[in-house]
Amino acid sequence: MGVGNTRSLNTAFYKHCIDRRDKWHSESMDTIILTTLAAS
């Protein structure tokens, strides 16, 4: 996979996390998002 494809997946995943966070607004979800972004 190229960098562009990976970035697109990360963006889609991030948006998914934001949508989930609207329903389950918790610090643990924030931590997951930050950890995921830091690892990408």
PDB file of N, CA and C in Angstrom:
ATOM      1  N   MET A   1       0.839  -1.205   0.000  1.00  0.00           N
ATOM      2  CA  MET A   1       0.000   0.000   0.000  1.00  0.00           C
ATOM      3  C   MET A   1       0.872   1.252   0.000  1.00  0.00           C
ATOM      4  N   GLY A   2       0.443   2.226  -0.755  1.00  0.00           N
ATOM      5  CA  GLY A   2       1.187   3.479  -0.803  1.00  0.00           C
ATOM      6  C   GLY A   2       0.815   4.373   0.361  1.00  0.00           C
ATOM      7  N   VAL A   3       1.594   5.440   0.517  1.00  0.00           N
ATOM      8  CA  VAL A   3       1.342   6.367   1.622  1.00  0.00           C
ATOM      9  C   VAL A   3      -0.033   7.021   1.470  1.00  0.00           C
ATOM     10  N   GLY A   4      -0.408   7.335   0.239  1.00  0.00           N
ATOM     11  CA  GLY A   4      -1.700   7.974  -0.005  1.00  0.00           C
ATOM     12  C   GLY A   4      -2.861   7.104   0.443  1.00  0.00           C
ATOM     13  N   ASN A   5      -2.778   5.805   0.130  1.00  0.00           N
ATOM     14  CA  ASN A   5      -3.837   4.887   0.534  1.00  0.00           C
ATOM     15  C   ASN A   5      -3.917   4.783   2.040  1.00  0.00           C
ATOM     16  N   THR A   6      -2.771   4.692   2.680  1.00  0.00           N
ATOM     17  CA  THR A   6      -2.735   4.582   4.139  1.00  0.00           C
ATOM     18  C   THR A   6      -3.335   5.830   4.773  1.00  0.00           C
ATOM     19  N   ARG A   7      -2.987   6.978   4.216  1.00  0.00           N
ATOM     20  CA  ARG A   7      -3.493   8.237   4.772  1.00  0.00           C
ATOM     21  C   ARG A   7      -5.012   8.312   4.617  1.00  0.00           C
ATOM     22  N   SER A   8      -5.521   7.834   3.494  1.00  0.00           N
ATOM     23  CA  SER A   8      -6.960   7.841   3.274  1.00  0.00           C
ATOM     24  C   SER A   8      -7.655   6.954   4.297  1.00  0.00           C
ATOM     25  N   LEU A   9      -7.072   5.785   4.562  1.00  0.00           N
ATOM     26  CA  LEU A   9      -7.656   4.885   5.558  1.00  0.00           C
ATOM     27  C   LEU A   9      -7.620   5.527   6.928  1.00  0.00           C
ATOM     28  N   ASN A  10      -6.510   6.165   7.272  1.00  0.00           N
ATOM     29  CA  ASN A  10      -6.393   6.824   8.575  1.00  0.00           C
ATOM     30  C   ASN A  10      -7.438   7.920   8.711  1.00  0.00           C
ATOM     31  N   THR A  11      -7.658   8.677   7.638  1.00  0.00           N
ATOM     32  CA  THR A  11      -8.644   9.751   7.672  1.00  0.00           C
ATOM     33  C   THR A  11     -10.045   9.183   7.875  1.00  0.00           C
ATOM     34  N   ALA A  12     -10.353   8.107   7.161  1.00  0.00           N
ATOM     35  CA  ALA A  12     -11.666   7.479   7.285  1.00  0.00           C
ATOM     36  C   ALA A  12     -11.852   6.911   8.689  1.00  0.00           C
ATOM     37  N   PHE A  13     -10.782   6.310   9.215  1.00  0.00           N
ATOM     38  CA  PHE A  13     -10.842   5.739  10.562  1.00  0.00           C
ATOM     39  C   PHE A  13     -11.017   6.845  11.594  1.00  0.00           C
ATOM     40  N   TYR A  14     -10.314   7.952  11.385  1.00  0.00           N
ATOM     41  CA  TYR A  14     -10.405   9.080  12.309  1.00  0.00           C
ATOM     42  C   TYR A  14     -11.824   9.636  12.313  1.00  0.00           C
ATOM     43  N   LYS A  15     -12.407   9.786  11.129  1.00  0.00           N
ATOM     44  CA  LYS A  15     -13.775  10.288  11.034  1.00  0.00           C
ATOM     45  C   LYS A  15     -14.733   9.323  11.733  1.00  0.00           C
ATOM     46  N   HIS A  16     -14.484   8.027  11.542  1.00  0.00           N
ATOM     47  CA  HIS A  16     -15.306   7.012  12.196  1.00  0.00           C
ATOM     48  C   HIS A  16     -15.220   7.167  13.716  1.00  0.00           C
ATOM     49  N   CYS A  17     -14.004   7.393  14.220  1.00  0.00           N
ATOM     50  CA  CYS A  17     -13.816   7.557  15.660  1.00  0.00           C
ATOM     51  C   CYS A  17     -14.544   8.795  16.166  1.00  0.00           C
ATOM     52  N   ILE A  18     -14.498   9.873  15.385  1.00  0.00           N
ATOM     53  CA  ILE A  18     -15.191  11.102  15.771  1.00  0.00           C
ATOM     54  C   ILE A  18     -16.694  10.854  15.837  1.00  0.00           C
ATOM     55  N   ASP A  19     -17.221  10.120  14.839  1.00  0.00           N
ATOM     56  CA  ASP A  19     -18.650   9.802  14.829  1.00  0.00           C
ATOM     57  C   ASP A  19     -19.021   8.970  16.054  1.00  0.00           C
ATOM     58  N   ARG A  20     -18.146   8.023  16.401  1.00  0.00           N
ATOM     59  CA  ARG A  20     -18.398   7.191  17.565  1.00  0.00           C
ATOM     60  C   ARG A  20     -18.327   8.027  18.836  1.00  0.00           C
ATOM     61  N   ARG A  21     -17.354   8.966  18.856  1.00  0.00           N
ATOM     62  CA  ARG A  21     -17.160   9.782  20.052  1.00  0.00           C
ATOM     63  C   ARG A  21     -18.383  10.651  20.321  1.00  0.00           C
ATOM     64  N   ASP A  22     -19.102  11.011  19.256  1.00  0.00           N
ATOM     65  CA  ASP A  22     -20.320  11.797  19.452  1.00  0.00           C
ATOM     66  C   ASP A  22     -21.334  11.000  20.270  1.00  0.00           C
ATOM     67  N   LYS A  23     -21.312   9.666  20.093  1.00  0.00           N
ATOM     68  CA  LYS A  23     -22.240   8.807  20.828  1.00  0.00           C
ATOM     69  C   LYS A  23     -21.652   8.422  22.187  1.00  0.00           C
ATOM     70  N   TRP A  24     -20.376   8.083  22.178  1.00  0.00           N
ATOM     71  CA  TRP A  24     -19.712   7.612  23.400  1.00  0.00           C
ATOM     72  C   TRP A  24     -18.581   8.562  23.742  1.00  0.00           C
ATOM     73  N   HIS A  25     -18.918   9.743  24.195  1.00  0.00           N
ATOM     74  CA  HIS A  25     -17.893  10.739  24.480  1.00  0.00           C
ATOM     75  C   HIS A  25     -17.152  10.356  25.757  1.00  0.00           C
ATOM     76  N   SER A  26     -15.968   9.785  25.570  1.00  0.00           N
ATOM     77  CA  SER A  26     -15.204   9.337  26.729  1.00  0.00           C
ATOM     78  C   SER A  26     -13.730   9.627  26.540  1.00  0.00           C
ATOM     79  N   GLU A  27     -13.015   9.756  27.616  1.00  0.00           N
ATOM     80  CA  GLU A  27     -11.583  10.024  27.549  1.00  0.00           C
ATOM     81  C   GLU A  27     -10.836   8.848  26.954  1.00  0.00           C
ATOM     82  N   SER A  28     -11.343   7.644  27.181  1.00  0.00           N
ATOM     83  CA  SER A  28     -10.673   6.461  26.654  1.00  0.00           C
ATOM     84  C   SER A  28     -10.664   6.489  25.133  1.00  0.00           C
ATOM     85  N   MET A  29     -11.753   6.953  24.519  1.00  0.00           N
ATOM     86  CA  MET A  29     -11.807   7.031  23.060  1.00  0.00           C
ATOM     87  C   MET A  29     -10.826   8.087  22.570  1.00  0.00           C
ATOM     88  N   ASP A  30     -10.718   9.200  23.290  1.00  0.00           N
ATOM     89  CA  ASP A  30      -9.742  10.233  22.929  1.00  0.00           C
ATOM     90  C   ASP A  30      -8.344   9.644  22.944  1.00  0.00           C
ATOM     91  N   THR A  31      -8.065   8.827  23.944  1.00  0.00           N
ATOM     92  CA  THR A  31      -6.742   8.210  24.064  1.00  0.00           C
ATOM     93  C   THR A  31      -6.484   7.291  22.883  1.00  0.00           C
ATOM     94  N   ILE A  32      -7.497   6.517  22.477  1.00  0.00           N
ATOM     95  CA  ILE A  32      -7.346   5.610  21.336  1.00  0.00           C
ATOM     96  C   ILE A  32      -7.044   6.402  20.075  1.00  0.00           C
ATOM     97  N   ILE A  33      -7.767   7.497  19.869  1.00  0.00           N
ATOM     98  CA  ILE A  33      -7.554   8.320  18.673  1.00  0.00           C
ATOM     99  C   ILE A  33      -6.143   8.890  18.672  1.00  0.00           C
ATOM    100  N   LEU A  34      -5.725   9.456  19.783  1.00  0.00           N
ATOM    101  CA  LEU A  34      -4.392  10.056  19.855  1.00  0.00           C
ATOM    102  C   LEU A  34      -3.305   9.010  19.648  1.00  0.00           C
ATOM    103  N   THR A  35      -3.490   7.849  20.238  1.00  0.00           N
ATOM    104  CA  THR A  35      -2.510   6.774  20.090  1.00  0.00           C
ATOM    105  C   THR A  35      -2.440   6.320  18.644  1.00  0.00           C
ATOM    106  N   THR A  36      -3.609   6.208  18.006  1.00  0.00           N
ATOM    107  CA  THR A  36      -3.660   5.768  16.610  1.00  0.00           C
ATOM    108  C   THR A  36      -2.979   6.782  15.702  1.00  0.00           C
ATOM    109  N   LEU A  37      -3.262   8.063  15.915  1.00  0.00           N
ATOM    110  CA  LEU A  37      -2.658   9.099  15.087  1.00  0.00           C
ATOM    111  C   LEU A  37      -1.150   9.159  15.299  1.00  0.00           C
ATOM    112  N   ALA A  38      -0.732   8.973  16.538  1.00  0.00           N
ATOM    113  CA  ALA A  38       0.697   9.022  16.841  1.00  0.00           C
ATOM    114  C   ALA A  38       1.433   7.857  16.189  1.00  0.00           C
ATOM    115  N   ALA A  39       0.744   6.720  16.078  1.00  0.00           N
ATOM    116  CA  ALA A  39       1.374   5.533  15.504  1.00  0.00           C
ATOM    117  C   ALA A  39       1.374   5.572  13.980  1.00  0.00           C
ATOM    118  N   SER A  40       0.518   6.402  13.392  1.00  0.00           N
ATOM    119  CA  SER A  40       0.421   6.444  11.932  1.00  0.00           C
ATOM    120  C   SER A  40       1.519   7.295  11.311  1.00  0.00           C
TER     121      SER A  40
END
